[in-house]
N, C-alpha and C. Protein backbone atom coordinates (compact mmCIF):
# COMPACT_ATOMS: atom_id res chain seq x y z
N MET A 1 35.63 1.56 -2.74
CA MET A 1 35.57 2.77 -3.69
C MET A 1 34.57 2.04 -4.46
N LEU A 2 33.77 2.69 -4.53
CA LEU A 2 32.78 2.89 -5.79
C LEU A 2 33.71 3.20 -7.48
N SER A 3 33.61 3.12 -8.22
CA SER A 3 34.13 3.45 -9.43
C SER A 3 33.01 4.27 -9.91
N PHE A 4 33.91 5.18 -11.67
CA PHE A 4 32.84 5.85 -11.94
C PHE A 4 31.53 5.02 -13.03
N ALA A 5 32.26 4.16 -13.12
CA ALA A 5 30.79 2.93 -14.06
C ALA A 5 29.68 3.35 -13.25
N ARG A 6 29.88 2.74 -12.00
CA ARG A 6 29.27 2.20 -10.62
C ARG A 6 28.29 3.81 -10.78
N LEU A 7 29.06 4.64 -9.94
CA LEU A 7 28.42 5.67 -10.08
C LEU A 7 27.49 6.41 -10.97
N ALA A 8 27.70 6.10 -12.38
CA ALA A 8 27.03 6.94 -13.19
C ALA A 8 25.13 6.33 -13.40
N LEU A 9 26.00 4.44 -12.60
CA LEU A 9 25.14 4.30 -13.22
C LEU A 9 23.42 4.51 -11.87
N ILE A 10 24.41 4.60 -10.75
CA ILE A 10 23.23 4.75 -9.70
C ILE A 10 23.01 6.92 -9.91
N ALA A 11 23.59 7.36 -10.24
CA ALA A 11 23.41 8.46 -10.85
C ALA A 11 21.73 8.43 -11.95
N LEU A 12 22.04 7.11 -13.31
CA LEU A 12 21.03 7.53 -13.95
C LEU A 12 19.73 6.95 -13.70
N ALA A 13 19.71 6.02 -12.63
CA ALA A 13 19.12 5.31 -11.62
C ALA A 13 17.86 6.26 -11.89
N LEU A 14 18.86 7.20 -10.27
CA LEU A 14 17.82 7.85 -9.53
C LEU A 14 17.07 9.50 -10.55
N VAL A 15 18.00 9.50 -12.09
CA VAL A 15 17.15 10.15 -12.71
C VAL A 15 15.72 10.07 -12.76
N ALA A 16 16.27 8.75 -13.16
CA ALA A 16 14.18 7.81 -14.02
C ALA A 16 14.08 7.60 -13.20
N THR A 17 13.70 8.01 -11.95
CA THR A 17 13.05 7.77 -10.88
C THR A 17 12.86 8.49 -11.20
N VAL A 18 13.53 9.93 -10.69
CA VAL A 18 12.35 11.27 -10.42
C VAL A 18 11.69 11.64 -11.87
N ALA A 19 11.73 11.16 -13.09
CA ALA A 19 11.42 12.10 -14.09
C ALA A 19 10.48 11.00 -14.79
N THR A 20 10.15 9.88 -14.03
CA THR A 20 8.86 9.07 -14.22
C THR A 20 7.81 9.09 -13.26
N ALA A 21 8.69 10.48 -12.32
CA ALA A 21 6.83 11.01 -10.90
C ALA A 21 6.03 12.06 -11.80
N ASP A 22 5.27 11.81 -11.44
CA ASP A 22 4.27 12.68 -12.13
C ASP A 22 3.91 13.03 -11.35
N THR A 23 3.41 14.97 -11.47
CA THR A 23 2.82 15.55 -11.13
C THR A 23 1.22 16.39 -10.66
N PHE A 24 0.84 17.58 -10.28
CA PHE A 24 0.42 17.92 -10.19
C PHE A 24 0.00 18.93 -9.50
N GLU A 25 -1.10 20.26 -9.42
CA GLU A 25 -1.50 20.98 -8.54
C GLU A 25 -3.28 21.39 -8.00
N GLY A 26 -2.96 21.31 -6.54
CA GLY A 26 -4.15 21.70 -6.45
C GLY A 26 -4.60 21.68 -4.69
N ARG A 27 -5.46 21.97 -4.28
CA ARG A 27 -5.77 22.68 -3.00
C ARG A 27 -6.43 21.21 -1.97
N VAL A 28 -5.46 21.06 -0.93
CA VAL A 28 -6.30 20.72 0.31
C VAL A 28 -7.46 20.76 0.41
N VAL A 29 -8.57 20.16 0.07
CA VAL A 29 -10.32 19.77 0.36
C VAL A 29 -10.15 19.50 1.52
N ARG A 30 -9.82 18.44 2.08
CA ARG A 30 -10.74 17.72 3.51
C ARG A 30 -9.16 16.82 3.47
N VAL A 31 -8.99 16.33 5.17
CA VAL A 31 -7.17 15.77 5.60
C VAL A 31 -8.49 14.73 6.36
N LEU A 32 -8.62 13.46 5.82
CA LEU A 32 -8.86 12.21 6.34
C LEU A 32 -8.03 11.24 7.75
N ASP A 33 -7.05 11.63 7.71
CA ASP A 33 -6.08 11.67 8.78
C ASP A 33 -5.03 12.41 8.61
N GLY A 34 -3.73 11.95 9.64
CA GLY A 34 -2.63 12.16 10.13
C GLY A 34 -2.25 12.24 9.14
N ASP A 35 -1.94 11.61 7.69
CA ASP A 35 -1.52 11.16 6.44
C ASP A 35 -1.76 11.23 5.36
N THR A 36 -3.54 11.40 5.47
CA THR A 36 -3.96 11.20 3.96
C THR A 36 -5.38 12.43 4.08
N VAL A 37 -5.09 13.38 2.60
CA VAL A 37 -5.63 14.30 2.41
C VAL A 37 -6.08 14.30 0.77
N ASP A 38 -7.08 14.89 0.71
CA ASP A 38 -7.82 14.68 -0.37
C ASP A 38 -7.56 15.78 -1.26
N VAL A 39 -6.94 16.18 -2.50
CA VAL A 39 -7.04 17.26 -3.28
C VAL A 39 -7.50 18.18 -4.07
N LEU A 40 -8.39 18.64 -4.31
CA LEU A 40 -9.19 19.18 -5.68
C LEU A 40 -7.36 19.85 -7.04
N ASP A 41 -8.36 19.17 -8.32
CA ASP A 41 -7.00 20.05 -8.87
C ASP A 41 -7.74 20.94 -9.88
N ALA A 42 -7.22 21.39 -10.55
CA ALA A 42 -7.65 22.50 -11.49
C ALA A 42 -8.73 22.35 -12.10
N GLY A 43 -9.38 20.97 -12.83
CA GLY A 43 -9.79 20.19 -13.66
C GLY A 43 -10.80 20.24 -12.53
N LYS A 44 -10.59 20.46 -11.13
CA LYS A 44 -11.53 19.93 -10.24
C LYS A 44 -12.28 18.40 -9.74
N SER A 45 -10.81 17.65 -10.19
CA SER A 45 -10.64 15.61 -9.84
C SER A 45 -10.12 16.22 -8.96
N SER A 46 -11.05 15.21 -7.64
CA SER A 46 -10.33 15.13 -6.57
C SER A 46 -9.54 13.81 -6.04
N HIS A 47 -8.68 13.45 -5.59
CA HIS A 47 -6.86 13.35 -6.11
C HIS A 47 -7.03 12.34 -4.07
N ARG A 48 -7.19 11.38 -3.65
CA ARG A 48 -7.02 10.86 -2.11
C ARG A 48 -5.08 10.29 -2.41
N VAL A 49 -4.39 11.39 -1.68
CA VAL A 49 -3.34 10.94 -1.40
C VAL A 49 -3.05 10.72 0.22
N ARG A 50 -2.15 9.73 0.08
CA ARG A 50 -1.05 9.75 1.61
C ARG A 50 0.89 9.99 1.22
N LEU A 51 0.49 10.64 2.42
CA LEU A 51 2.12 10.90 2.05
C LEU A 51 2.75 10.41 2.46
N ALA A 52 3.91 9.72 1.42
CA ALA A 52 4.93 8.92 1.54
C ALA A 52 5.60 8.98 3.00
N GLY A 53 6.46 8.29 3.41
CA GLY A 53 6.70 8.17 4.76
C GLY A 53 6.52 8.60 5.58
N ILE A 54 5.59 8.51 6.22
CA ILE A 54 4.87 8.57 7.42
C ILE A 54 3.61 8.05 7.52
N ASP A 55 3.66 7.88 8.77
CA ASP A 55 2.98 6.21 9.12
C ASP A 55 2.47 7.25 10.72
N ALA A 56 1.50 7.86 10.56
CA ALA A 56 0.47 8.62 12.05
C ALA A 56 -0.74 7.52 12.28
N PRO A 57 -0.71 7.73 13.95
CA PRO A 57 -2.20 6.73 13.74
C PRO A 57 -3.07 7.21 13.28
N GLU A 58 -4.08 5.63 13.44
CA GLU A 58 -5.03 6.20 12.84
C GLU A 58 -6.30 6.50 13.59
N LYS A 59 -7.18 7.48 13.36
CA LYS A 59 -8.26 8.00 13.88
C LYS A 59 -8.26 7.19 15.51
N GLY A 60 -8.06 6.13 15.41
CA GLY A 60 -9.36 5.35 16.54
C GLY A 60 -8.34 5.38 17.75
N GLN A 61 -6.86 5.30 17.09
CA GLN A 61 -5.82 5.06 17.95
C GLN A 61 -5.56 6.40 18.75
N ALA A 62 -4.73 5.97 19.70
CA ALA A 62 -4.26 7.05 20.68
C ALA A 62 -3.20 8.38 19.74
N PHE A 63 -3.43 8.99 19.97
CA PHE A 63 -3.21 10.61 19.12
C PHE A 63 -3.70 10.54 18.14
N GLY A 64 -4.38 9.56 17.17
CA GLY A 64 -4.20 9.79 16.18
C GLY A 64 -5.87 11.66 15.85
N THR A 65 -6.61 11.60 16.73
CA THR A 65 -7.25 12.80 16.09
C THR A 65 -6.52 14.21 16.44
N ARG A 66 -4.92 13.73 17.05
CA ARG A 66 -3.90 14.97 17.12
C ARG A 66 -3.21 15.15 15.78
N ALA A 67 -3.24 14.11 15.49
CA ALA A 67 -2.41 13.92 14.17
C ALA A 67 -2.80 14.77 12.91
N LYS A 68 -4.04 14.21 12.89
CA LYS A 68 -5.09 14.55 11.46
C LYS A 68 -5.44 16.61 12.62
N GLN A 69 -5.54 16.98 13.56
CA GLN A 69 -5.52 18.40 13.70
C GLN A 69 -4.23 18.62 13.39
N LEU A 70 -3.26 18.33 13.34
CA LEU A 70 -1.47 19.41 13.58
C LEU A 70 -1.78 19.08 11.18
N LEU A 71 -2.40 18.00 10.99
CA LEU A 71 -2.15 17.66 9.65
C LEU A 71 -2.79 19.03 9.60
N LEU A 72 -4.20 19.25 9.41
CA LEU A 72 -4.91 20.10 8.82
C LEU A 72 -4.68 21.31 8.99
N GLU A 73 -3.75 22.47 9.87
CA GLU A 73 -2.92 23.52 10.59
C GLU A 73 -2.26 23.34 8.90
N LEU A 74 -1.62 22.16 9.27
CA LEU A 74 -0.31 22.80 8.37
C LEU A 74 -0.90 22.77 6.72
N ALA A 75 -2.06 21.54 6.33
CA ALA A 75 -2.30 21.63 4.89
C ALA A 75 -3.37 22.22 4.35
N GLY A 76 -4.59 22.25 5.44
CA GLY A 76 -6.05 22.52 5.21
C GLY A 76 -5.34 23.78 4.47
N GLY A 77 -6.81 23.65 2.79
CA GLY A 77 -7.11 24.14 2.01
C GLY A 77 -5.97 24.87 2.09
N LYS A 78 -5.01 24.88 2.28
CA LYS A 78 -3.67 25.38 1.52
C LYS A 78 -3.31 24.66 -0.25
N SER A 79 -3.09 25.33 -1.07
CA SER A 79 -2.44 24.92 -2.75
C SER A 79 -0.89 24.09 -2.40
N VAL A 80 -0.76 23.07 -2.71
CA VAL A 80 -0.48 21.91 -2.92
C VAL A 80 0.34 21.85 -4.16
N GLU A 81 1.59 20.81 -4.42
CA GLU A 81 2.20 20.87 -5.35
C GLU A 81 2.37 19.29 -5.07
N VAL A 82 1.46 17.69 -5.70
CA VAL A 82 2.09 17.09 -5.65
C VAL A 82 2.75 16.11 -6.47
N SER A 83 3.56 15.02 -6.02
CA SER A 83 5.01 14.67 -7.26
C SER A 83 4.22 12.82 -6.30
N TRP A 84 3.96 12.53 -7.20
CA TRP A 84 4.29 10.56 -7.20
C TRP A 84 4.32 10.09 -8.53
N HIS A 85 4.90 8.38 -7.88
CA HIS A 85 4.76 7.73 -9.15
C HIS A 85 4.15 6.20 -8.60
N LYS A 86 3.72 5.90 -7.77
CA LYS A 86 2.78 4.59 -8.31
C LYS A 86 1.54 5.36 -6.98
N ARG A 87 1.13 3.95 -7.23
CA ARG A 87 -0.11 3.81 -6.46
C ARG A 87 -0.41 3.23 -5.10
N ASP A 88 -0.82 3.35 -4.33
CA ASP A 88 -0.56 2.34 -2.99
C ASP A 88 -2.41 1.40 -3.03
N ARG A 89 -1.89 0.12 -2.19
CA ARG A 89 -2.98 -1.05 -2.44
C ARG A 89 -4.38 -0.33 -2.83
N TYR A 90 -4.40 0.66 -2.16
CA TYR A 90 -5.91 1.34 -2.10
C TYR A 90 -6.26 2.02 -3.47
N GLY A 91 -5.30 2.61 -4.36
CA GLY A 91 -5.38 2.75 -5.33
C GLY A 91 -4.99 4.78 -5.36
């Protein structure tokens, strides 16, 4: 059983993680593959966004074209809010 102090520390860590997330709003202007989109913000800056927790096949792999097509149907041209807290190895 977790003590109250341990639960409080876990809750604080979760709040700190959420508090450090940055957000911006924009429109999905391009779908690169099944897990990556370009989002144009209000200042007309483009941001390449990789979707966390998604491991879609690449374009050259089996079902890669289908994964891209499905993400395009779901998000293409739509307004989105992007919440992020780190950059991947590609920036």
